[in-house]
Amino acid sequence: MTGRNYPALSQQVLNRQDIVKFMVTEVDGLTTSVAGASLEAVITCITQSLAEHNLVSINNFGKFGVRYRRSRLGIHPQTQTEIQIPATSVPYFTPSVSLKQRVNQKSKHEPNSDISR
């Protein structure tokens, strides 16, 4: 990304285990196994819906969907010959306005997430 001055934001990777720990601390009486199963169920539901080319909309978070990319001609980087790139479907995510506002508000003040590890 040359030519642009992006702010240096330190990033942490939040994985499934971290999300499960967060869920357990936020919901009284929730066990790790139930939180893990709940997260797995949500991920499975979203994945299956996208596999069926359905739109998944979560209020105040965003939308998951699938976009179709038509086949096209490309150039093989090593041989410089033309190749046919097959058509494919790719998942995408569009954040909600409230999520965008939250991320922008957070990035102005503190680059790290407020979820402690």
Protein backbone atom coordinates (compact mmCIF):
# COMPACT_ATOMS: atom_id res chain seq x y z
CA MET A 1 0.00 0.00 0.00
CA THR A 2 2.44 2.56 -1.17
CA GLY A 3 1.60 6.18 -1.55
CA ARG A 4 -0.86 6.31 1.32
CA ASN A 5 -0.31 7.06 4.97
CA TYR A 6 -2.29 4.55 6.97
CA PRO A 7 -2.28 4.77 10.76
CA ALA A 8 -0.25 2.04 12.39
CA LEU A 9 -2.77 -0.04 14.30
CA SER A 10 -1.53 -2.89 16.41
CA GLN A 11 -3.69 -5.92 15.80
CA GLN A 12 -4.50 -8.99 17.82
CA VAL A 13 -5.83 -12.18 16.34
CA LEU A 14 -9.05 -13.27 18.00
CA ASN A 15 -9.67 -16.99 17.51
CA ARG A 16 -12.53 -19.33 18.42
CA GLN A 17 -11.07 -20.11 21.82
CA ASP A 18 -10.86 -16.39 22.65
CA ILE A 19 -14.48 -15.85 21.56
CA VAL A 20 -15.64 -18.77 23.72
CA LYS A 21 -13.74 -17.36 26.73
CA PHE A 22 -15.33 -13.96 26.12
CA MET A 23 -18.81 -15.51 25.90
CA VAL A 24 -18.28 -17.36 29.19
CA THR A 25 -17.21 -14.16 30.99
CA GLU A 26 -20.12 -12.14 29.56
CA VAL A 27 -22.99 -14.57 30.25
CA ASP A 28 -23.54 -15.76 33.81
CA GLY A 29 -23.82 -19.52 34.12
CA LEU A 30 -22.58 -20.24 30.61
CA THR A 31 -20.10 -23.10 30.48
CA THR A 32 -17.18 -23.37 28.09
CA SER A 33 -18.66 -26.43 26.39
CA VAL A 34 -22.06 -24.76 25.84
CA ALA A 35 -20.41 -21.57 24.59
CA GLY A 36 -18.23 -23.58 22.20
CA ALA A 37 -21.24 -25.53 20.92
CA SER A 38 -23.21 -22.29 20.48
CA LEU A 39 -20.41 -20.65 18.52
CA GLU A 40 -20.04 -23.76 16.36
CA ALA A 41 -23.80 -23.75 15.69
CA VAL A 42 -23.72 -20.10 14.57
CA ILE A 43 -20.74 -20.70 12.28
CA THR A 44 -22.39 -23.82 10.83
CA CYS A 45 -25.64 -21.95 10.22
CA ILE A 46 -23.87 -19.09 8.42
CA THR A 47 -21.73 -21.50 6.39
CA GLN A 48 -24.69 -23.62 5.29
CA SER A 49 -26.70 -20.54 4.34
CA LEU A 50 -23.84 -19.19 2.25
CA ALA A 51 -23.34 -22.59 0.61
CA GLU A 52 -26.98 -22.34 -0.51
CA HIS A 53 -26.28 -18.79 -1.81
CA ASN A 54 -28.52 -17.18 0.80
CA LEU A 55 -27.93 -13.78 2.40
CA VAL A 56 -27.26 -13.78 6.16
CA SER A 57 -28.11 -10.52 7.91
CA ILE A 58 -27.28 -9.87 11.57
CA ASN A 59 -28.66 -6.58 12.90
CA ASN A 60 -26.03 -4.12 14.14
CA PHE A 61 -23.27 -6.37 12.80
CA GLY A 62 -23.54 -6.82 9.05
CA LYS A 63 -24.43 -9.04 6.12
CA PHE A 64 -22.75 -12.13 4.75
CA GLY A 65 -23.42 -13.06 1.16
CA VAL A 66 -22.06 -14.78 -1.91
CA ARG A 67 -20.93 -13.08 -5.10
CA TYR A 68 -20.54 -14.83 -8.43
CA ARG A 69 -17.37 -14.21 -10.41
CA ARG A 70 -17.66 -15.09 -14.08
CA SER A 71 -14.91 -16.95 -15.91
CA ARG A 72 -12.26 -14.78 -17.48
CA LEU A 73 -8.92 -14.83 -19.23
CA GLY A 74 -5.80 -14.34 -17.15
CA ILE A 75 -2.04 -14.51 -17.61
CA HIS A 76 0.02 -17.30 -16.05
CA PRO A 77 2.70 -15.41 -14.05
CA GLN A 78 5.56 -17.83 -14.84
CA THR A 79 4.91 -18.66 -18.49
CA GLN A 80 3.10 -15.44 -19.49
CA THR A 81 0.57 -17.52 -21.44
CA GLU A 82 -3.15 -16.86 -21.41
CA ILE A 83 -5.17 -19.15 -19.19
CA GLN A 84 -8.89 -19.51 -18.59
CA ILE A 85 -9.79 -18.71 -14.98
CA PRO A 86 -12.96 -20.62 -14.10
CA ALA A 87 -16.12 -19.05 -12.73
CA THR A 88 -16.45 -19.20 -8.96
CA SER A 89 -18.57 -18.02 -6.05
CA VAL A 90 -16.90 -16.12 -3.23
CA PRO A 91 -18.25 -15.13 0.19
CA TYR A 92 -18.28 -11.48 1.25
CA PHE A 93 -19.09 -9.46 4.36
CA THR A 94 -20.63 -5.99 4.48
CA PRO A 95 -20.45 -4.32 7.91
CA SER A 96 -23.47 -2.47 9.29
CA VAL A 97 -23.39 1.28 9.84
CA SER A 98 -23.26 0.79 13.61
CA LEU A 99 -20.29 -1.60 13.32
CA LYS A 100 -18.46 0.87 11.08
CA GLN A 101 -19.11 3.66 13.58
CA ARG A 102 -17.90 1.51 16.48
CA VAL A 103 -14.70 0.55 14.65
CA ASN A 104 -13.99 4.16 13.67
CA GLN A 105 -14.69 5.41 17.18
CA LYS A 106 -12.44 2.72 18.67
CA SER A 107 -9.58 3.29 16.23
CA LYS A 108 -9.42 7.01 17.02
CA HIS A 109 -8.71 6.43 20.68
CA GLU A 110 -7.13 3.04 21.18
CA PRO A 111 -6.02 0.67 18.46
CA ASN A 112 -6.29 -2.52 20.51
CA SER A 113 -9.48 -4.43 21.08
CA ASP A 114 -11.17 -4.11 24.46
CA ILE A 115 -11.38 -7.89 24.71
CA SER A 116 -8.55 -9.01 26.94
CA ARG A 117 -6.77 -12.27 26.26
